[in-house]
PDB file of N, CA and C in Angstrom:
ATOM      1  N   MET A   1      27.986  44.976  43.563  1.00  0.00           N
ATOM      2  CA  MET A   1      27.515  43.717  43.002  1.00  0.00           C
ATOM      3  C   MET A   1      26.228  43.301  43.720  1.00  0.00           C
ATOM      4  N   SER A   2      25.205  42.966  42.961  1.00  0.00           N
ATOM      5  CA  SER A   2      23.937  42.577  43.570  1.00  0.00           C
ATOM      6  C   SER A   2      23.964  41.106  43.979  1.00  0.00           C
ATOM      7  N   LYS A   3      23.155  40.802  44.972  1.00  0.00           N
ATOM      8  CA  LYS A   3      23.060  39.431  45.459  1.00  0.00           C
ATOM      9  C   LYS A   3      22.281  38.575  44.475  1.00  0.00           C
ATOM     10  N   GLN A   4      22.707  37.338  44.372  1.00  0.00           N
ATOM     11  CA  GLN A   4      21.940  36.371  43.596  1.00  0.00           C
ATOM     12  C   GLN A   4      20.616  36.119  44.333  1.00  0.00           C
ATOM     13  N   THR A   5      19.537  36.029  43.580  1.00  0.00           N
ATOM     14  CA  THR A   5      18.228  35.749  44.162  1.00  0.00           C
ATOM     15  C   THR A   5      17.852  34.307  43.867  1.00  0.00           C
ATOM     16  N   ILE A   6      17.476  33.601  44.917  1.00  0.00           N
ATOM     17  CA  ILE A   6      17.025  32.213  44.809  1.00  0.00           C
ATOM     18  C   ILE A   6      15.593  32.167  45.321  1.00  0.00           C
ATOM     19  N   ILE A   7      14.718  31.514  44.554  1.00  0.00           N
ATOM     20  CA  ILE A   7      13.298  31.495  44.900  1.00  0.00           C
ATOM     21  C   ILE A   7      12.844  30.081  45.230  1.00  0.00           C
ATOM     22  N   ILE A   8      12.248  29.938  46.403  1.00  0.00           N
ATOM     23  CA  ILE A   8      11.536  28.711  46.775  1.00  0.00           C
ATOM     24  C   ILE A   8      10.059  29.001  46.520  1.00  0.00           C
ATOM     25  N   ASN A   9       9.419  28.188  45.707  1.00  0.00           N
ATOM     26  CA  ASN A   9       8.010  28.402  45.382  1.00  0.00           C
ATOM     27  C   ASN A   9       7.161  27.385  46.136  1.00  0.00           C
ATOM     28  N   GLY A  10       6.370  27.877  47.070  1.00  0.00           N
ATOM     29  CA  GLY A  10       5.518  27.019  47.888  1.00  0.00           C
ATOM     30  C   GLY A  10       4.477  26.248  47.095  1.00  0.00           C
ATOM     31  N   ASN A  11       4.219  26.652  45.858  1.00  0.00           N
ATOM     32  CA  ASN A  11       3.274  25.903  45.023  1.00  0.00           C
ATOM     33  C   ASN A  11       3.924  24.686  44.369  1.00  0.00           C
ATOM     34  N   ASN A  12       5.253  24.543  44.503  1.00  0.00           N
ATOM     35  CA  ASN A  12       5.944  23.428  43.864  1.00  0.00           C
ATOM     36  C   ASN A  12       6.067  22.191  44.743  1.00  0.00           C
ATOM     37  N   PHE A  13       5.477  22.221  45.932  1.00  0.00           N
ATOM     38  CA  PHE A  13       5.510  21.048  46.809  1.00  0.00           C
ATOM     39  C   PHE A  13       4.259  21.017  47.677  1.00  0.00           C
ATOM     40  N   SER A  14       3.911  19.819  48.125  1.00  0.00           N
ATOM     41  CA  SER A  14       2.690  19.664  48.914  1.00  0.00           C
ATOM     42  C   SER A  14       2.922  18.977  50.256  1.00  0.00           C
ATOM     43  N   ASN A  15       4.137  18.481  50.485  1.00  0.00           N
ATOM     44  CA  ASN A  15       4.454  17.817  51.744  1.00  0.00           C
ATOM     45  C   ASN A  15       5.959  17.901  51.979  1.00  0.00           C
ATOM     46  N   ILE A  16       6.424  17.351  53.083  1.00  0.00           N
ATOM     47  CA  ILE A  16       7.844  17.460  53.431  1.00  0.00           C
ATOM     48  C   ILE A  16       8.716  16.754  52.397  1.00  0.00           C
ATOM     49  N   ARG A  17       8.295  15.605  51.922  1.00  0.00           N
ATOM     50  CA  ARG A  17       9.088  14.870  50.922  1.00  0.00           C
ATOM     51  C   ARG A  17       9.289  15.711  49.668  1.00  0.00           C
ATOM     52  N   THR A  18       8.221  16.305  49.152  1.00  0.00           N
ATOM     53  CA  THR A  18       8.349  17.098  47.926  1.00  0.00           C
ATOM     54  C   THR A  18       9.003  18.463  48.193  1.00  0.00           C
ATOM     55  N   PHE A  19       8.946  18.945  49.440  1.00  0.00           N
ATOM     56  CA  PHE A  19       9.691  20.156  49.813  1.00  0.00           C
ATOM     57  C   PHE A  19      11.181  19.938  49.571  1.00  0.00           C
ATOM     58  N   TYR A  20      11.697  18.803  50.035  1.00  0.00           N
ATOM     59  CA  TYR A  20      13.129  18.535  49.863  1.00  0.00           C
ATOM     60  C   TYR A  20      13.505  18.384  48.383  1.00  0.00           C
ATOM     61  N   ILE A  21      12.612  17.873  47.583  1.00  0.00           N
ATOM     62  CA  ILE A  21      12.868  17.795  46.138  1.00  0.00           C
ATOM     63  C   ILE A  21      12.977  19.212  45.561  1.00  0.00           C
ATOM     64  N   GLU A  22      12.089  20.099  45.964  1.00  0.00           N
ATOM     65  CA  GLU A  22      12.141  21.498  45.526  1.00  0.00           C
ATOM     66  C   GLU A  22      13.449  22.154  45.975  1.00  0.00           C
ATOM     67  N   ILE A  23      13.851  21.881  47.203  1.00  0.00           N
ATOM     68  CA  ILE A  23      15.099  22.455  47.723  1.00  0.00           C
ATOM     69  C   ILE A  23      16.288  21.978  46.887  1.00  0.00           C
ATOM     70  N   ASP A  24      16.304  20.694  46.555  1.00  0.00           N
ATOM     71  CA  ASP A  24      17.362  20.185  45.678  1.00  0.00           C
ATOM     72  C   ASP A  24      17.360  20.923  44.338  1.00  0.00           C
ATOM     73  N   ASN A  25      16.170  21.174  43.806  1.00  0.00           N
ATOM     74  CA  ASN A  25      16.059  21.852  42.505  1.00  0.00           C
ATOM     75  C   ASN A  25      16.572  23.285  42.542  1.00  0.00           C
ATOM     76  N   VAL A  26      16.372  23.985  43.652  1.00  0.00           N
ATOM     77  CA  VAL A  26      16.757  25.397  43.679  1.00  0.00           C
ATOM     78  C   VAL A  26      18.135  25.653  44.302  1.00  0.00           C
ATOM     79  N   LEU A  27      18.636  24.735  45.127  1.00  0.00           N
ATOM     80  CA  LEU A  27      19.905  24.983  45.808  1.00  0.00           C
ATOM     81  C   LEU A  27      21.067  24.124  45.313  1.00  0.00           C
ATOM     82  N   THR A  28      20.796  23.174  44.399  1.00  0.00           N
ATOM     83  CA  THR A  28      21.884  22.349  43.868  1.00  0.00           C
ATOM     84  C   THR A  28      21.810  22.312  42.348  1.00  0.00           C
ATOM     85  N   ARG A  29      22.959  22.025  41.761  1.00  0.00           N
ATOM     86  CA  ARG A  29      23.006  21.888  40.311  1.00  0.00           C
ATOM     87  C   ARG A  29      24.167  20.955  39.955  1.00  0.00           C
ATOM     88  N   ASN A  30      23.866  19.996  39.087  1.00  0.00           N
ATOM     89  CA  ASN A  30      24.872  19.087  38.523  1.00  0.00           C
ATOM     90  C   ASN A  30      25.605  18.234  39.556  1.00  0.00           C
ATOM     91  N   LEU A  31      24.910  17.847  40.608  1.00  0.00           N
ATOM     92  CA  LEU A  31      25.518  16.936  41.582  1.00  0.00           C
ATOM     93  C   LEU A  31      25.453  15.510  41.044  1.00  0.00           C
ATOM     94  N   ILE A  32      26.456  14.722  41.362  1.00  0.00           N
ATOM     95  CA  ILE A  32      26.449  13.311  40.930  1.00  0.00           C
ATOM     96  C   ILE A  32      26.032  12.395  42.074  1.00  0.00           C
ATOM     97  N   TRP A  33      25.570  12.976  43.148  1.00  0.00           N
ATOM     98  CA  TRP A  33      25.098  12.232  44.315  1.00  0.00           C
ATOM     99  C   TRP A  33      23.824  12.898  44.827  1.00  0.00           C
ATOM    100  N   LYS A  34      23.076  12.170  45.639  1.00  0.00           N
ATOM    101  CA  LYS A  34      21.819  12.693  46.177  1.00  0.00           C
ATOM    102  C   LYS A  34      22.059  13.357  47.525  1.00  0.00           C
ATOM    103  N   THR A  35      21.333  14.417  47.774  1.00  0.00           N
ATOM    104  CA  THR A  35      21.430  15.100  49.062  1.00  0.00           C
ATOM    105  C   THR A  35      20.571  14.377  50.090  1.00  0.00           C
ATOM    106  N   GLY A  36      20.865  14.621  51.343  1.00  0.00           N
ATOM    107  CA  GLY A  36      19.999  14.105  52.400  1.00  0.00           C
ATOM    108  C   GLY A  36      18.716  14.905  52.436  1.00  0.00           C
ATOM    109  N   HIS A  37      17.664  14.279  52.807  1.00  0.00           N
ATOM    110  CA  HIS A  37      16.380  14.978  52.916  1.00  0.00           C
ATOM    111  C   HIS A  37      16.014  15.078  54.384  1.00  0.00           C
ATOM    112  N   ASN A  38      16.702  16.000  55.053  1.00  0.00           N
ATOM    113  CA  ASN A  38      16.482  16.235  56.469  1.00  0.00           C
ATOM    114  C   ASN A  38      16.935  17.665  56.788  1.00  0.00           C
ATOM    115  N   LEU A  39      16.671  18.114  58.002  1.00  0.00           N
ATOM    116  CA  LEU A  39      16.983  19.493  58.373  1.00  0.00           C
ATOM    117  C   LEU A  39      18.480  19.772  58.357  1.00  0.00           C
ATOM    118  N   SER A  40      19.280  18.804  58.746  1.00  0.00           N
ATOM    119  CA  SER A  40      20.730  18.989  58.736  1.00  0.00           C
ATOM    120  C   SER A  40      21.252  19.210  57.309  1.00  0.00           C
ATOM    121  N   ALA A  41      20.756  18.415  56.371  1.00  0.00           N
ATOM    122  CA  ALA A  41      21.162  18.561  54.973  1.00  0.00           C
ATOM    123  C   ALA A  41      20.672  19.906  54.415  1.00  0.00           C
ATOM    124  N   PHE A  42      19.473  20.316  54.787  1.00  0.00           N
ATOM    125  CA  PHE A  42      18.959  21.624  54.370  1.00  0.00           C
ATOM    126  C   PHE A  42      19.912  22.728  54.839  1.00  0.00           C
ATOM    127  N   ASN A  43      20.337  22.651  56.081  1.00  0.00           N
ATOM    128  CA  ASN A  43      21.289  23.610  56.631  1.00  0.00           C
ATOM    129  C   ASN A  43      22.577  23.624  55.806  1.00  0.00           C
ATOM    130  N   ASP A  44      23.089  22.458  55.484  1.00  0.00           N
ATOM    131  CA  ASP A  44      24.314  22.367  54.680  1.00  0.00           C
ATOM    132  C   ASP A  44      24.140  23.026  53.315  1.00  0.00           C
ATOM    133  N   LEU A  45      23.007  22.778  52.662  1.00  0.00           N
ATOM    134  CA  LEU A  45      22.766  23.344  51.333  1.00  0.00           C
ATOM    135  C   LEU A  45      22.732  24.874  51.373  1.00  0.00           C
ATOM    136  N   LEU A  46      22.226  25.430  52.472  1.00  0.00           N
ATOM    137  CA  LEU A  46      22.163  26.884  52.585  1.00  0.00           C
ATOM    138  C   LEU A  46      23.539  27.530  52.615  1.00  0.00           C
ATOM    139  N   TRP A  47      24.548  26.805  53.086  1.00  0.00           N
ATOM    140  CA  TRP A  47      25.907  27.352  53.103  1.00  0.00           C
ATOM    141  C   TRP A  47      26.401  27.619  51.692  1.00  0.00           C
ATOM    142  N   GLY A  48      25.931  26.833  50.729  1.00  0.00           N
ATOM    143  CA  GLY A  48      26.370  27.002  49.349  1.00  0.00           C
ATOM    144  C   GLY A  48      27.463  26.018  48.984  1.00  0.00           C
ATOM    145  N   GLY A  49      27.939  26.152  47.746  1.00  0.00           N
ATOM    146  CA  GLY A  49      28.981  25.274  47.255  1.00  0.00           C
ATOM    147  C   GLY A  49      28.457  24.027  46.566  1.00  0.00           C
ATOM    148  N   PHE A  50      27.175  24.041  46.218  1.00  0.00           N
ATOM    149  CA  PHE A  50      26.542  22.880  45.584  1.00  0.00           C
ATOM    150  C   PHE A  50      26.056  23.198  44.169  1.00  0.00           C
ATOM    151  N   GLY A  51      26.753  24.136  43.511  1.00  0.00           N
ATOM    152  CA  GLY A  51      26.489  24.419  42.108  1.00  0.00           C
ATOM    153  C   GLY A  51      25.605  25.606  41.814  1.00  0.00           C
ATOM    154  N   VAL A  52      24.962  26.178  42.827  1.00  0.00           N
ATOM    155  CA  VAL A  52      24.078  27.321  42.594  1.00  0.00           C
ATOM    156  C   VAL A  52      24.723  28.616  43.102  1.00  0.00           C
ATOM    157  N   HIS A  53      25.194  28.604  44.325  1.00  0.00           N
ATOM    158  CA  HIS A  53      25.932  29.742  44.868  1.00  0.00           C
ATOM    159  C   HIS A  53      27.147  29.225  45.626  1.00  0.00           C
ATOM    160  N   GLU A  54      28.157  30.072  45.694  1.00  0.00           N
ATOM    161  CA  GLU A  54      29.413  29.688  46.340  1.00  0.00           C
ATOM    162  C   GLU A  54      29.239  29.612  47.860  1.00  0.00           C
ATOM    163  N   TYR A  55      30.151  28.924  48.510  1.00  0.00           N
ATOM    164  CA  TYR A  55      30.116  28.780  49.960  1.00  0.00           C
ATOM    165  C   TYR A  55      30.105  30.158  50.620  1.00  0.00           C
ATOM    166  N   GLU A  56      29.114  30.400  51.466  1.00  0.00           N
ATOM    167  CA  GLU A  56      28.903  31.642  52.208  1.00  0.00           C
ATOM    168  C   GLU A  56      28.732  32.882  51.331  1.00  0.00           C
ATOM    169  N   GLU A  57      28.417  32.680  50.061  1.00  0.00           N
ATOM    170  CA  GLU A  57      28.115  33.818  49.183  1.00  0.00           C
ATOM    171  C   GLU A  57      26.832  34.482  49.666  1.00  0.00           C
ATOM    172  N   SER A  58      26.826  35.795  49.703  1.00  0.00           N
ATOM    173  CA  SER A  58      25.612  36.519  50.081  1.00  0.00           C
ATOM    174  C   SER A  58      24.538  36.295  49.024  1.00  0.00           C
ATOM    175  N   ILE A  59      23.376  35.843  49.475  1.00  0.00           N
ATOM    176  CA  ILE A  59      22.255  35.599  48.564  1.00  0.00           C
ATOM    177  C   ILE A  59      20.979  36.186  49.152  1.00  0.00           C
ATOM    178  N   LYS A  60      20.017  36.362  48.280  1.00  0.00           N
ATOM    179  CA  LYS A  60      18.663  36.735  48.691  1.00  0.00           C
ATOM    180  C   LYS A  60      17.800  35.505  48.454  1.00  0.00           C
ATOM    181  N   LEU A  61      17.215  34.971  49.510  1.00  0.00           N
ATOM    182  CA  LEU A  61      16.346  33.799  49.429  1.00  0.00           C
ATOM    183  C   LEU A  61      14.906  34.266  49.606  1.00  0.00           C
ATOM    184  N   ILE A  62      14.119  34.114  48.540  1.00  0.00           N
ATOM    185  CA  ILE A  62      12.719  34.545  48.571  1.00  0.00           C
ATOM    186  C   ILE A  62      11.833  33.303  48.528  1.00  0.00           C
ATOM    187  N   TRP A  63      10.945  33.209  49.500  1.00  0.00           N
ATOM    188  CA  TRP A  63      10.009  32.087  49.574  1.00  0.00           C
ATOM    189  C   TRP A  63       8.632  32.621  49.208  1.00  0.00           C
ATOM    190  N   VAL A  64       8.181  32.317  47.987  1.00  0.00           N
ATOM    191  CA  VAL A  64       6.864  32.771  47.532  1.00  0.00           C
ATOM    192  C   VAL A  64       5.811  31.719  47.875  1.00  0.00           C
ATOM    193  N   ASN A  65       4.585  32.179  48.014  1.00  0.00           N
ATOM    194  CA  ASN A  65       3.468  31.320  48.428  1.00  0.00           C
ATOM    195  C   ASN A  65       3.767  30.676  49.785  1.00  0.00           C
ATOM    196  N   PHE A  66       4.320  31.503  50.663  1.00  0.00           N
ATOM    197  CA  PHE A  66       4.763  31.028  51.974  1.00  0.00           C
ATOM    198  C   PHE A  66       3.607  30.528  52.831  1.00  0.00           C
ATOM    199  N   SER A  67       2.473  31.209  52.796  1.00  0.00           N
ATOM    200  CA  SER A  67       1.348  30.784  53.638  1.00  0.00           C
ATOM    201  C   SER A  67       0.848  29.399  53.221  1.00  0.00           C
ATOM    202  N   ASN A  68       0.891  29.087  51.916  1.00  0.00           N
ATOM    203  CA  ASN A  68       0.562  27.733  51.453  1.00  0.00           C
ATOM    204  C   ASN A  68       1.518  26.718  52.064  1.00  0.00           C
ATOM    205  N   SER A  69       2.786  27.052  52.070  1.00  0.00           N
ATOM    206  CA  SER A  69       3.804  26.155  52.619  1.00  0.00           C
ATOM    207  C   SER A  69       3.553  25.895  54.096  1.00  0.00           C
ATOM    208  N   LYS A  70       3.187  26.934  54.808  1.00  0.00           N
ATOM    209  CA  LYS A  70       2.929  26.808  56.242  1.00  0.00           C
ATOM    210  C   LYS A  70       1.786  25.823  56.495  1.00  0.00           C
ATOM    211  N   LYS A  71       0.745  25.918  55.677  1.00  0.00           N
ATOM    212  CA  LYS A  71      -0.391  24.995  55.817  1.00  0.00           C
ATOM    213  C   LYS A  71       0.009  23.570  55.476  1.00  0.00           C
ATOM    214  N   ARG A  72       0.777  23.412  54.421  1.00  0.00           N
ATOM    215  CA  ARG A  72       1.132  22.078  53.929  1.00  0.00           C
ATOM    216  C   ARG A  72       2.190  21.383  54.776  1.00  0.00           C
ATOM    217  N   LEU A  73       3.140  22.150  55.303  1.00  0.00           N
ATOM    218  CA  LEU A  73       4.262  21.552  56.031  1.00  0.00           C
ATOM    219  C   LEU A  73       4.078  21.571  57.541  1.00  0.00           C
ATOM    220  N   GLY A  74       3.199  22.425  58.006  1.00  0.00           N
ATOM    221  CA  GLY A  74       2.959  22.518  59.444  1.00  0.00           C
ATOM    222  C   GLY A  74       3.818  23.588  60.096  1.00  0.00           C
ATOM    223  N   GLU A  75       3.246  24.192  61.105  1.00  0.00           N
ATOM    224  CA  GLU A  75       3.877  25.306  61.816  1.00  0.00           C
ATOM    225  C   GLU A  75       5.234  24.922  62.420  1.00  0.00           C
ATOM    226  N   GLU A  76       5.315  23.760  63.046  1.00  0.00           N
ATOM    227  CA  GLU A  76       6.558  23.350  63.705  1.00  0.00           C
ATOM    228  C   GLU A  76       7.699  23.179  62.696  1.00  0.00           C
ATOM    229  N   PHE A  77       7.403  22.509  61.576  1.00  0.00           N
ATOM    230  CA  PHE A  77       8.437  22.298  60.561  1.00  0.00           C
ATOM    231  C   PHE A  77       8.881  23.631  59.967  1.00  0.00           C
ATOM    232  N   ILE A  78       7.934  24.491  59.657  1.00  0.00           N
ATOM    233  CA  ILE A  78       8.248  25.813  59.108  1.00  0.00           C
ATOM    234  C   ILE A  78       9.111  26.609  60.089  1.00  0.00           C
ATOM    235  N   ASN A  79       8.759  26.576  61.366  1.00  0.00           N
ATOM    236  CA  ASN A  79       9.543  27.297  62.363  1.00  0.00           C
ATOM    237  C   ASN A  79      10.971  26.770  62.436  1.00  0.00           C
ATOM    238  N   ASN A  80      11.144  25.455  62.317  1.00  0.00           N
ATOM    239  CA  ASN A  80      12.490  24.871  62.283  1.00  0.00           C
ATOM    240  C   ASN A  80      13.269  25.381  61.074  1.00  0.00           C
ATOM    241  N   LEU A  81      12.613  25.432  59.916  1.00  0.00           N
ATOM    242  CA  LEU A  81      13.272  25.926  58.701  1.00  0.00           C
ATOM    243  C   LEU A  81      13.684  27.385  58.855  1.00  0.00           C
ATOM    244  N   ILE A  82      12.794  28.207  59.402  1.00  0.00           N
ATOM    245  CA  ILE A  82      13.083  29.626  59.591  1.00  0.00           C
ATOM    246  C   ILE A  82      14.251  29.810  60.559  1.00  0.00           C
ATOM    247  N   ASP A  83      14.283  29.018  61.624  1.00  0.00           N
ATOM    248  CA  ASP A  83      15.405  29.089  62.568  1.00  0.00           C
ATOM    249  C   ASP A  83      16.722  28.772  61.868  1.00  0.00           C
ATOM    250  N   ILE A  84      16.714  27.751  61.041  1.00  0.00           N
ATOM    251  CA  ILE A  84      17.932  27.356  60.322  1.00  0.00           C
ATOM    252  C   ILE A  84      18.359  28.462  59.362  1.00  0.00           C
ATOM    253  N   ILE A  85      17.403  28.983  58.596  1.00  0.00           N
ATOM    254  CA  ILE A  85      17.727  30.042  57.637  1.00  0.00           C
ATOM    255  C   ILE A  85      18.282  31.270  58.366  1.00  0.00           C
ATOM    256  N   SER A  86      17.669  31.636  59.482  1.00  0.00           N
ATOM    257  CA  SER A  86      18.091  32.864  60.182  1.00  0.00           C
ATOM    258  C   SER A  86      19.486  32.736  60.792  1.00  0.00           C
ATOM    259  N   ASP A  87      19.986  31.526  60.955  1.00  0.00           N
ATOM    260  CA  ASP A  87      21.351  31.325  61.456  1.00  0.00           C
ATOM    261  C   ASP A  87      22.410  31.635  60.396  1.00  0.00           C
ATOM    262  N   HIS A  88      22.001  31.805  59.156  1.00  0.00           N
ATOM    263  CA  HIS A  88      22.930  32.069  58.051  1.00  0.00           C
ATOM    264  C   HIS A  88      22.974  33.571  57.773  1.00  0.00           C
ATOM    265  N   GLU A  89      24.016  34.215  58.271  1.00  0.00           N
ATOM    266  CA  GLU A  89      24.122  35.668  58.126  1.00  0.00           C
ATOM    267  C   GLU A  89      24.298  36.117  56.689  1.00  0.00           C
ATOM    268  N   HIS A  90      24.702  35.206  55.812  1.00  0.00           N
ATOM    269  CA  HIS A  90      24.910  35.573  54.401  1.00  0.00           C
ATOM    270  C   HIS A  90      23.613  35.523  53.596  1.00  0.00           C
ATOM    271  N   ILE A  91      22.507  35.153  54.257  1.00  0.00           N
ATOM    272  CA  ILE A  91      21.232  35.027  53.553  1.00  0.00           C
ATOM    273  C   ILE A  91      20.276  36.134  53.989  1.00  0.00           C
ATOM    274  N   GLU A  92      19.801  36.877  53.009  1.00  0.00           N
ATOM    275  CA  GLU A  92      18.705  37.805  53.212  1.00  0.00           C
ATOM    276  C   GLU A  92      17.437  37.029  52.896  1.00  0.00           C
ATOM    277  N   PHE A  93      16.580  36.840  53.878  1.00  0.00           N
ATOM    278  CA  PHE A  93      15.404  35.972  53.734  1.00  0.00           C
ATOM    279  C   PHE A  93      14.135  36.798  53.684  1.00  0.00           C
ATOM    280  N   ILE A  94      13.336  36.533  52.652  1.00  0.00           N
ATOM    281  CA  ILE A  94      12.068  37.260  52.450  1.00  0.00           C
ATOM    282  C   ILE A  94      10.972  36.241  52.174  1.00  0.00           C
ATOM    283  N   THR A  95       9.826  36.418  52.835  1.00  0.00           N
ATOM    284  CA  THR A  95       8.665  35.576  52.531  1.00  0.00           C
ATOM    285  C   THR A  95       7.600  36.433  51.860  1.00  0.00           C
ATOM    286  N   ILE A  96       6.930  35.809  50.891  1.00  0.00           N
ATOM    287  CA  ILE A  96       5.836  36.482  50.175  1.00  0.00           C
ATOM    288  C   ILE A  96       4.661  35.520  50.133  1.00  0.00           C
ATOM    289  N   ASP A  97       3.471  36.028  50.509  1.00  0.00           N
ATOM    290  CA  ASP A  97       2.279  35.167  50.475  1.00  0.00           C
ATOM    291  C   ASP A  97       1.694  35.123  49.150  1.00  0.00           C
TER     292      ASP A  97
END
């Protein structure tokens, strides 16, 4: 069985606020409540179970236009995101410029 592929598109956001909106769009579906827009909530969404992939389901997370994201969000924020993603063994993480 192949892994589900989820794509974060760096062209779909220009700052941290709109980054979290993009994350909601790609990692959640049909929620009747709003997610938190912070690093802790991002970590929770990566576990799954929010309508896109099941809890701890193996997925492939591809971040396209990554270099744009790095410029827009800043090196420190990006490094925090990468650290969080790398803590999830069920996620195969790929960046594409």
